[in-house]
């Protein structure tokens, strides 16, 4: 989803996605995918190292506050403590995922990528409608989220850079970069929603909304990972010299 999309092709939020993956016991190849560098798979390169405690900010932005750092240590990501601010982020995330789905339908080469893009549009538009209905019931008017910390600003810059890179690609290169982005992106989405489940556990309505959202995000993530394995260039699996 997002302001949460650093897991796409820039390295910021992808590091947090890698942390979550390591907690789940995924392998090095999947780590490379999550770092947003599908070409590393083609070239047989080792995955980029994860530096514990950076939360994906490193030298690229201000580290999160103590509460955010505690969430990162759990494999989650910092979220606003204010309900409306959190809903603003969710709303933006759904809209952004739908835009990416539309981009995949326009630029995707394989039928799998195009179909996956169509699913993103459908699922996230439906999820956003449920979110908007919940916000209306709470008399809340949602708006574009405003990053209010160095960490949040880093995530916003990562999102913009990710979208710009995808818009510059076409053909199979787009397919691989898009799917790699969706793996890392949805790892970040999942980590954000899980943080929301924890933080707003006493809010029955919001907790139900998040509980309904999480399974679909997990399905999106797994589908992107499976498709990425199918899209890897066949020549990368050949020995040098065609042997």
C-alpha atoms as a PDB file:
ATOM      1  CA  UNK A   1       0.000   0.000   0.000  1.00  0.00           C
ATOM      2  CA  UNK A   2       1.523   3.822   0.107  1.00  0.00           C
ATOM      3  CA  UNK A   3       3.229   5.998   2.402  1.00  0.00           C
ATOM      4  CA  UNK A   4       4.200   2.444   3.216  1.00  0.00           C
ATOM      5  CA  UNK A   5       5.784   1.552  -0.049  1.00  0.00           C
ATOM      6  CA  UNK A   6       9.466   1.878   0.606  1.00  0.00           C
ATOM      7  CA  UNK A   7       9.651  -1.879   0.181  1.00  0.00           C
ATOM      8  CA  UNK A   8       9.189  -1.388  -3.537  1.00  0.00           C
ATOM      9  CA  UNK A   9      12.416  -0.470  -5.332  1.00  0.00           C
ATOM     10  CA  UNK A  10      14.158   1.924  -2.997  1.00  0.00           C
ATOM     11  CA  UNK A  11      15.783   0.393   0.051  1.00  0.00           C
ATOM     12  CA  UNK A  12      14.148   2.252   2.945  1.00  0.00           C
ATOM     13  CA  UNK A  13      11.069   0.363   3.984  1.00  0.00           C
ATOM     14  CA  UNK A  14      12.354  -2.763   2.283  1.00  0.00           C
ATOM     15  CA  UNK A  15      14.756  -3.215   5.161  1.00  0.00           C
ATOM     16  CA  UNK A  16      11.850  -3.384   7.552  1.00  0.00           C
ATOM     17  CA  UNK A  17      10.190  -5.869   5.232  1.00  0.00           C
ATOM     18  CA  UNK A  18      13.350  -7.952   5.337  1.00  0.00           C
ATOM     19  CA  UNK A  19      13.301  -7.878   9.113  1.00  0.00           C
ATOM     20  CA  UNK A  20       9.754  -9.202   9.086  1.00  0.00           C
ATOM     21  CA  UNK A  21      10.740 -11.896   6.611  1.00  0.00           C
ATOM     22  CA  UNK A  22      13.664 -12.984   8.754  1.00  0.00           C
ATOM     23  CA  UNK A  23      11.333 -13.365  11.717  1.00  0.00           C
ATOM     24  CA  UNK A  24       9.150 -15.573   9.523  1.00  0.00           C
ATOM     25  CA  UNK A  25      12.126 -17.699   8.514  1.00  0.00           C
ATOM     26  CA  UNK A  26      12.212 -16.895   4.803  1.00  0.00           C
ATOM     27  CA  UNK A  27      15.308 -17.672   2.778  1.00  0.00           C
ATOM     28  CA  UNK A  28      18.003 -15.475   1.219  1.00  0.00           C
ATOM     29  CA  UNK A  29      16.442 -15.508  -2.236  1.00  0.00           C
ATOM     30  CA  UNK A  30      13.205 -14.118  -0.859  1.00  0.00           C
ATOM     31  CA  UNK A  31      15.236 -11.529   0.997  1.00  0.00           C
ATOM     32  CA  UNK A  32      16.694 -10.349  -2.287  1.00  0.00           C
ATOM     33  CA  UNK A  33      13.216 -10.039  -3.723  1.00  0.00           C
ATOM     34  CA  UNK A  34      12.055  -8.000  -0.768  1.00  0.00           C
ATOM     35  CA  UNK A  35      14.993  -5.636  -1.129  1.00  0.00           C
ATOM     36  CA  UNK A  36      13.506  -4.646  -4.487  1.00  0.00           C
ATOM     37  CA  UNK A  37      16.404  -5.892  -6.605  1.00  0.00           C
ATOM     38  CA  UNK A  38      15.058  -8.765  -8.753  1.00  0.00           C
ATOM     39  CA  UNK A  39      18.146  -8.464 -10.939  1.00  0.00           C
ATOM     40  CA  UNK A  40      20.160  -9.811  -8.012  1.00  0.00           C
ATOM     41  CA  UNK A  41      18.375 -13.118  -8.469  1.00  0.00           C
ATOM     42  CA  UNK A  42      19.298 -13.180 -12.141  1.00  0.00           C
ATOM     43  CA  UNK A  43      22.968 -12.503 -11.381  1.00  0.00           C
ATOM     44  CA  UNK A  44      23.241 -14.851  -8.411  1.00  0.00           C
ATOM     45  CA  UNK A  45      24.250 -12.074  -6.021  1.00  0.00           C
ATOM     46  CA  UNK A  46      24.064 -12.377  -2.245  1.00  0.00           C
ATOM     47  CA  UNK A  47      21.257 -10.469  -0.510  1.00  0.00           C
ATOM     48  CA  UNK A  48      21.958  -7.087   1.002  1.00  0.00           C
ATOM     49  CA  UNK A  49      22.646  -7.328   4.743  1.00  0.00           C
ATOM     50  CA  UNK A  50      19.964  -6.300   7.197  1.00  0.00           C
ATOM     51  CA  UNK A  51      21.147  -3.937   9.899  1.00  0.00           C
ATOM     52  CA  UNK A  52      19.058  -4.564  12.974  1.00  0.00           C
ATOM     53  CA  UNK A  53      17.564  -1.492  14.598  1.00  0.00           C
ATOM     54  CA  UNK A  54      17.635   0.797  11.564  1.00  0.00           C
ATOM     55  CA  UNK A  55      14.008   0.169  10.714  1.00  0.00           C
ATOM     56  CA  UNK A  56      14.911   0.939   7.141  1.00  0.00           C
ATOM     57  CA  UNK A  57      15.853   4.526   7.897  1.00  0.00           C
ATOM     58  CA  UNK A  58      19.611   4.218   8.261  1.00  0.00           C
ATOM     59  CA  UNK A  59      21.347   7.271   6.871  1.00  0.00           C
ATOM     60  CA  UNK A  60      18.327   8.103   4.703  1.00  0.00           C
ATOM     61  CA  UNK A  61      16.127   9.594   7.424  1.00  0.00           C
ATOM     62  CA  UNK A  62      15.539  10.230  11.103  1.00  0.00           C
ATOM     63  CA  UNK A  63      15.008   7.036  13.145  1.00  0.00           C
ATOM     64  CA  UNK A  64      11.509   6.549  14.604  1.00  0.00           C
ATOM     65  CA  UNK A  65      10.679   7.478  18.186  1.00  0.00           C
ATOM     66  CA  UNK A  66      10.861   5.019  21.077  1.00  0.00           C
ATOM     67  CA  UNK A  67       7.361   3.692  20.434  1.00  0.00           C
ATOM     68  CA  UNK A  68       8.113   3.211  16.760  1.00  0.00           C
ATOM     69  CA  UNK A  69      11.422   1.547  17.547  1.00  0.00           C
ATOM     70  CA  UNK A  70       9.629  -0.883  19.857  1.00  0.00           C
ATOM     71  CA  UNK A  71       7.241  -1.799  17.043  1.00  0.00           C
ATOM     72  CA  UNK A  72      10.163  -2.338  14.681  1.00  0.00           C
ATOM     73  CA  UNK A  73      11.724  -4.761  17.120  1.00  0.00           C
ATOM     74  CA  UNK A  74       8.511  -6.804  16.892  1.00  0.00           C
ATOM     75  CA  UNK A  75       8.715  -6.855  13.103  1.00  0.00           C
ATOM     76  CA  UNK A  76       5.986  -4.208  12.827  1.00  0.00           C
ATOM     77  CA  UNK A  77       6.133  -0.636  11.535  1.00  0.00           C
ATOM     78  CA  UNK A  78       5.420   2.694  13.259  1.00  0.00           C
ATOM     79  CA  UNK A  79       1.882   4.009  12.863  1.00  0.00           C
ATOM     80  CA  UNK A  80       0.118   7.174  14.112  1.00  0.00           C
ATOM     81  CA  UNK A  81      -1.384   6.965  17.582  1.00  0.00           C
ATOM     82  CA  UNK A  82      -4.341   9.078  16.431  1.00  0.00           C
ATOM     83  CA  UNK A  83      -7.162   7.041  14.852  1.00  0.00           C
ATOM     84  CA  UNK A  84      -7.925   9.546  12.081  1.00  0.00           C
ATOM     85  CA  UNK A  85      -4.258   9.853  11.120  1.00  0.00           C
ATOM     86  CA  UNK A  86      -4.005   6.082  10.915  1.00  0.00           C
ATOM     87  CA  UNK A  87      -7.161   5.909   8.784  1.00  0.00           C
ATOM     88  CA  UNK A  88      -5.725   8.616   6.521  1.00  0.00           C
ATOM     89  CA  UNK A  89      -2.734   6.340   5.918  1.00  0.00           C
ATOM     90  CA  UNK A  90      -4.920   3.319   5.236  1.00  0.00           C
ATOM     91  CA  UNK A  91      -7.044   5.326   2.798  1.00  0.00           C
ATOM     92  CA  UNK A  92      -3.970   6.590   0.974  1.00  0.00           C
ATOM     93  CA  UNK A  93      -2.537   3.073   0.899  1.00  0.00           C
ATOM     94  CA  UNK A  94      -5.625   1.570  -0.710  1.00  0.00           C
ATOM     95  CA  UNK A  95      -5.711   4.325  -3.316  1.00  0.00           C
ATOM     96  CA  UNK A  96      -2.023   3.900  -4.081  1.00  0.00           C
ATOM     97  CA  UNK A  97      -2.322   0.137  -4.471  1.00  0.00           C
ATOM     98  CA  UNK A  98      -5.215   0.624  -6.889  1.00  0.00           C
ATOM     99  CA  UNK A  99      -3.072   3.027  -8.939  1.00  0.00           C
ATOM    100  CA  UNK A 100      -0.271   0.480  -9.046  1.00  0.00           C
ATOM    101  CA  UNK A 101      -2.739  -2.166 -10.152  1.00  0.00           C
ATOM    102  CA  UNK A 102      -3.846   0.077 -12.985  1.00  0.00           C
ATOM    103  CA  UNK A 103      -0.218   0.677 -13.943  1.00  0.00           C
ATOM    104  CA  UNK A 104       0.376  -3.083 -14.058  1.00  0.00           C
ATOM    105  CA  UNK A 105      -2.581  -3.542 -16.393  1.00  0.00           C
ATOM    106  CA  UNK A 106      -1.209  -0.839 -18.685  1.00  0.00           C
ATOM    107  CA  UNK A 107       2.495  -1.733 -18.684  1.00  0.00           C
ATOM    108  CA  UNK A 108       2.565  -5.387 -17.722  1.00  0.00           C
ATOM    109  CA  UNK A 109       3.818  -7.854 -20.327  1.00  0.00           C
ATOM    110  CA  UNK A 110       2.646 -11.170 -18.911  1.00  0.00           C
ATOM    111  CA  UNK A 111      -0.983 -12.079 -18.442  1.00  0.00           C
ATOM    112  CA  UNK A 112      -0.181 -12.991 -14.842  1.00  0.00           C
ATOM    113  CA  UNK A 113       0.991  -9.461 -14.046  1.00  0.00           C
ATOM    114  CA  UNK A 114      -2.019  -7.916 -15.771  1.00  0.00           C
ATOM    115  CA  UNK A 115      -4.432 -10.183 -13.904  1.00  0.00           C
ATOM    116  CA  UNK A 116      -2.667  -9.476 -10.622  1.00  0.00           C
ATOM    117  CA  UNK A 117      -2.973  -5.745 -11.295  1.00  0.00           C
ATOM    118  CA  UNK A 118      -6.700  -6.151 -11.884  1.00  0.00           C
ATOM    119  CA  UNK A 119      -7.027  -7.966  -8.575  1.00  0.00           C
ATOM    120  CA  UNK A 120      -5.196  -5.168  -6.764  1.00  0.00           C
ATOM    121  CA  UNK A 121      -7.613  -2.604  -8.178  1.00  0.00           C
ATOM    122  CA  UNK A 122     -10.692  -4.640  -7.273  1.00  0.00           C
ATOM    123  CA  UNK A 123      -9.604  -5.693  -3.778  1.00  0.00           C
ATOM    124  CA  UNK A 124      -8.233  -2.336  -2.669  1.00  0.00           C
ATOM    125  CA  UNK A 125     -11.158  -0.356  -4.003  1.00  0.00           C
ATOM    126  CA  UNK A 126     -13.502  -2.633  -2.073  1.00  0.00           C
ATOM    127  CA  UNK A 127     -11.359  -2.384   1.062  1.00  0.00           C
ATOM    128  CA  UNK A 128     -11.289   1.400   0.708  1.00  0.00           C
ATOM    129  CA  UNK A 129     -15.072   1.516   0.449  1.00  0.00           C
ATOM    130  CA  UNK A 130     -15.331  -0.378   3.742  1.00  0.00           C
ATOM    131  CA  UNK A 131     -12.789   1.980   5.280  1.00  0.00           C
ATOM    132  CA  UNK A 132     -14.674   5.061   4.119  1.00  0.00           C
ATOM    133  CA  UNK A 133     -17.944   3.671   5.465  1.00  0.00           C
ATOM    134  CA  UNK A 134     -16.315   3.106   8.842  1.00  0.00           C
ATOM    135  CA  UNK A 135     -14.834   6.626   8.863  1.00  0.00           C
ATOM    136  CA  UNK A 136     -18.221   8.143   7.959  1.00  0.00           C
ATOM    137  CA  UNK A 137     -19.840   6.269  10.830  1.00  0.00           C
ATOM    138  CA  UNK A 138     -17.247   7.847  13.132  1.00  0.00           C
ATOM    139  CA  UNK A 139     -17.911  11.324  11.669  1.00  0.00           C
ATOM    140  CA  UNK A 140     -14.363  11.443  10.341  1.00  0.00           C
ATOM    141  CA  UNK A 141     -13.390  13.105   7.058  1.00  0.00           C
ATOM    142  CA  UNK A 142     -10.264  11.499   5.674  1.00  0.00           C
ATOM    143  CA  UNK A 143      -7.532  13.471   3.932  1.00  0.00           C
ATOM    144  CA  UNK A 144      -4.085  12.993   2.429  1.00  0.00           C
ATOM    145  CA  UNK A 145      -1.704  11.974   5.237  1.00  0.00           C
ATOM    146  CA  UNK A 146       0.904  14.537   6.257  1.00  0.00           C
ATOM    147  CA  UNK A 147       4.249  12.978   7.299  1.00  0.00           C
ATOM    148  CA  UNK A 148       5.066  14.511  10.681  1.00  0.00           C
ATOM    149  CA  UNK A 149       8.387  12.850  11.470  1.00  0.00           C
ATOM    150  CA  UNK A 150      11.708  12.191   9.793  1.00  0.00           C
ATOM    151  CA  UNK A 151      10.851   8.516   9.534  1.00  0.00           C
ATOM    152  CA  UNK A 152       7.473   9.203   7.920  1.00  0.00           C
ATOM    153  CA  UNK A 153       9.054  11.664   5.481  1.00  0.00           C
ATOM    154  CA  UNK A 154      11.608   9.039   4.497  1.00  0.00           C
ATOM    155  CA  UNK A 155       8.783   6.618   3.762  1.00  0.00           C
ATOM    156  CA  UNK A 156       6.971   9.211   1.654  1.00  0.00           C
ATOM    157  CA  UNK A 157      10.124   9.881  -0.400  1.00  0.00           C
ATOM    158  CA  UNK A 158      10.599   6.151  -0.870  1.00  0.00           C
ATOM    159  CA  UNK A 159       7.062   5.835  -2.197  1.00  0.00           C
ATOM    160  CA  UNK A 160       7.570   8.624  -4.707  1.00  0.00           C
ATOM    161  CA  UNK A 161      10.873   7.164  -5.908  1.00  0.00           C
ATOM    162  CA  UNK A 162       9.346   3.702  -6.247  1.00  0.00           C
ATOM    163  CA  UNK A 163       6.468   4.942  -8.367  1.00  0.00           C
ATOM    164  CA  UNK A 164       8.812   7.009 -10.537  1.00  0.00           C
ATOM    165  CA  UNK A 165      11.034   4.015 -11.232  1.00  0.00           C
ATOM    166  CA  UNK A 166       8.128   1.756 -12.154  1.00  0.00           C
ATOM    167  CA  UNK A 167       6.753   4.426 -14.484  1.00  0.00           C
ATOM    168  CA  UNK A 168      10.124   4.522 -16.256  1.00  0.00           C
ATOM    169  CA  UNK A 169      10.159   0.783 -17.024  1.00  0.00           C
ATOM    170  CA  UNK A 170       8.421  -1.355 -19.600  1.00  0.00           C
ATOM    171  CA  UNK A 171       8.345  -4.933 -20.826  1.00  0.00           C
ATOM    172  CA  UNK A 172       9.733  -7.801 -18.738  1.00  0.00           C
ATOM    173  CA  UNK A 173      11.843  -5.349 -16.720  1.00  0.00           C
ATOM    174  CA  UNK A 174       8.653  -3.711 -15.515  1.00  0.00           C
ATOM    175  CA  UNK A 175       7.068  -7.059 -14.673  1.00  0.00           C
ATOM    176  CA  UNK A 176       9.978  -8.133 -12.468  1.00  0.00           C
ATOM    177  CA  UNK A 177      10.411  -4.765 -10.758  1.00  0.00           C
ATOM    178  CA  UNK A 178       6.677  -4.441 -10.158  1.00  0.00           C
ATOM    179  CA  UNK A 179       6.337  -7.889  -8.612  1.00  0.00           C
ATOM    180  CA  UNK A 180       9.437  -7.418  -6.462  1.00  0.00           C
ATOM    181  CA  UNK A 181       7.956  -4.126  -5.331  1.00  0.00           C
ATOM    182  CA  UNK A 182       4.661  -5.787  -4.451  1.00  0.00           C
ATOM    183  CA  UNK A 183       6.359  -8.409  -2.290  1.00  0.00           C
ATOM    184  CA  UNK A 184       8.191  -5.821  -0.200  1.00  0.00           C
ATOM    185  CA  UNK A 185       5.277  -3.416  -0.308  1.00  0.00           C
ATOM    186  CA  UNK A 186       2.827  -5.941   1.078  1.00  0.00           C
ATOM    187  CA  UNK A 187       5.262  -7.049   3.760  1.00  0.00           C
ATOM    188  CA  UNK A 188       5.196  -3.422   4.885  1.00  0.00           C
ATOM    189  CA  UNK A 189       1.405  -3.263   4.587  1.00  0.00           C
ATOM    190  CA  UNK A 190       1.034  -6.349   6.717  1.00  0.00           C
ATOM    191  CA  UNK A 191       3.400  -4.963   9.344  1.00  0.00           C
ATOM    192  CA  UNK A 192       1.419  -1.715   9.500  1.00  0.00           C
ATOM    193  CA  UNK A 193      -1.967  -3.413   9.808  1.00  0.00           C
ATOM    194  CA  UNK A 194      -0.660  -5.757  12.493  1.00  0.00           C
ATOM    195  CA  UNK A 195       0.633  -2.737  14.395  1.00  0.00           C
ATOM    196  CA  UNK A 196      -2.850  -1.237  14.094  1.00  0.00           C
ATOM    197  CA  UNK A 197      -4.449  -4.410  15.432  1.00  0.00           C
ATOM    198  CA  UNK A 198      -2.210  -4.120  18.465  1.00  0.00           C
ATOM    199  CA  UNK A 199      -2.546  -0.392  19.017  1.00  0.00           C
ATOM    200  CA  UNK A 200      -6.320  -0.164  18.478  1.00  0.00           C
ATOM    201  CA  UNK A 201      -7.209  -3.508  20.070  1.00  0.00           C
ATOM    202  CA  UNK A 202      -9.823  -1.857  22.320  1.00  0.00           C
ATOM    203  CA  UNK A 203     -11.594  -0.279  19.328  1.00  0.00           C
ATOM    204  CA  UNK A 204     -13.882  -3.119  18.256  1.00  0.00           C
ATOM    205  CA  UNK A 205     -14.993  -1.513  14.985  1.00  0.00           C
ATOM    206  CA  UNK A 206     -11.518  -0.642  13.754  1.00  0.00           C
ATOM    207  CA  UNK A 207     -10.098  -3.946  14.961  1.00  0.00           C
ATOM    208  CA  UNK A 208     -12.723  -5.808  12.919  1.00  0.00           C
ATOM    209  CA  UNK A 209     -11.882  -3.729   9.845  1.00  0.00           C
ATOM    210  CA  UNK A 210      -8.185  -4.546  10.198  1.00  0.00           C
ATOM    211  CA  UNK A 211      -8.909  -8.227  10.825  1.00  0.00           C
ATOM    212  CA  UNK A 212     -10.857  -8.322   7.553  1.00  0.00           C
ATOM    213  CA  UNK A 213      -8.082  -6.525   5.650  1.00  0.00           C
ATOM    214  CA  UNK A 214      -5.097  -8.612   6.734  1.00  0.00           C
ATOM    215  CA  UNK A 215      -5.873 -11.936   4.967  1.00  0.00           C
ATOM    216  CA  UNK A 216      -6.224 -10.208   1.598  1.00  0.00           C
ATOM    217  CA  UNK A 217      -2.900  -8.415   2.048  1.00  0.00           C
ATOM    218  CA  UNK A 218      -1.235 -11.739   2.802  1.00  0.00           C
ATOM    219  CA  UNK A 219      -2.772 -13.273  -0.323  1.00  0.00           C
ATOM    220  CA  UNK A 220      -1.546 -10.344  -2.424  1.00  0.00           C
ATOM    221  CA  UNK A 221       1.961 -10.764  -1.041  1.00  0.00           C
ATOM    222  CA  UNK A 222       2.106 -14.503  -1.698  1.00  0.00           C
ATOM    223  CA  UNK A 223       0.704 -14.156  -5.197  1.00  0.00           C
ATOM    224  CA  UNK A 224       3.305 -11.520  -6.097  1.00  0.00           C
ATOM    225  CA  UNK A 225       6.101 -13.753  -4.821  1.00  0.00           C
ATOM    226  CA  UNK A 226       4.870 -16.752  -6.796  1.00  0.00           C
ATOM    227  CA  UNK A 227       4.515 -14.685  -9.965  1.00  0.00           C
ATOM    228  CA  UNK A 228       7.981 -13.217  -9.555  1.00  0.00           C
ATOM    229  CA  UNK A 229       9.463 -16.706  -9.614  1.00  0.00           C
ATOM    230  CA  UNK A 230       7.694 -17.325 -12.918  1.00  0.00           C
ATOM    231  CA  UNK A 231       8.842 -14.027 -14.425  1.00  0.00           C
ATOM    232  CA  UNK A 232      12.603 -14.450 -13.735  1.00  0.00           C
ATOM    233  CA  UNK A 233      14.499 -14.425 -17.061  1.00  0.00           C
ATOM    234  CA  UNK A 234      15.082 -17.938 -18.295  1.00  0.00           C
ATOM    235  CA  UNK A 235      18.560 -17.052 -19.546  1.00  0.00           C
ATOM    236  CA  UNK A 236      19.612 -16.324 -15.974  1.00  0.00           C
ATOM    237  CA  UNK A 237      19.279 -20.032 -15.246  1.00  0.00           C
ATOM    238  CA  UNK A 238      21.709 -21.042 -17.990  1.00  0.00           C
ATOM    239  CA  UNK A 239      25.399 -21.568 -17.433  1.00  0.00           C
ATOM    240  CA  UNK A 240      27.801 -18.986 -18.965  1.00  0.00           C
ATOM    241  CA  UNK A 241      28.351 -19.590 -22.643  1.00  0.00           C
ATOM    242  CA  UNK A 242      24.998 -21.300 -23.027  1.00  0.00           C
ATOM    243  CA  UNK A 243      26.223 -24.587 -21.589  1.00  0.00           C
END
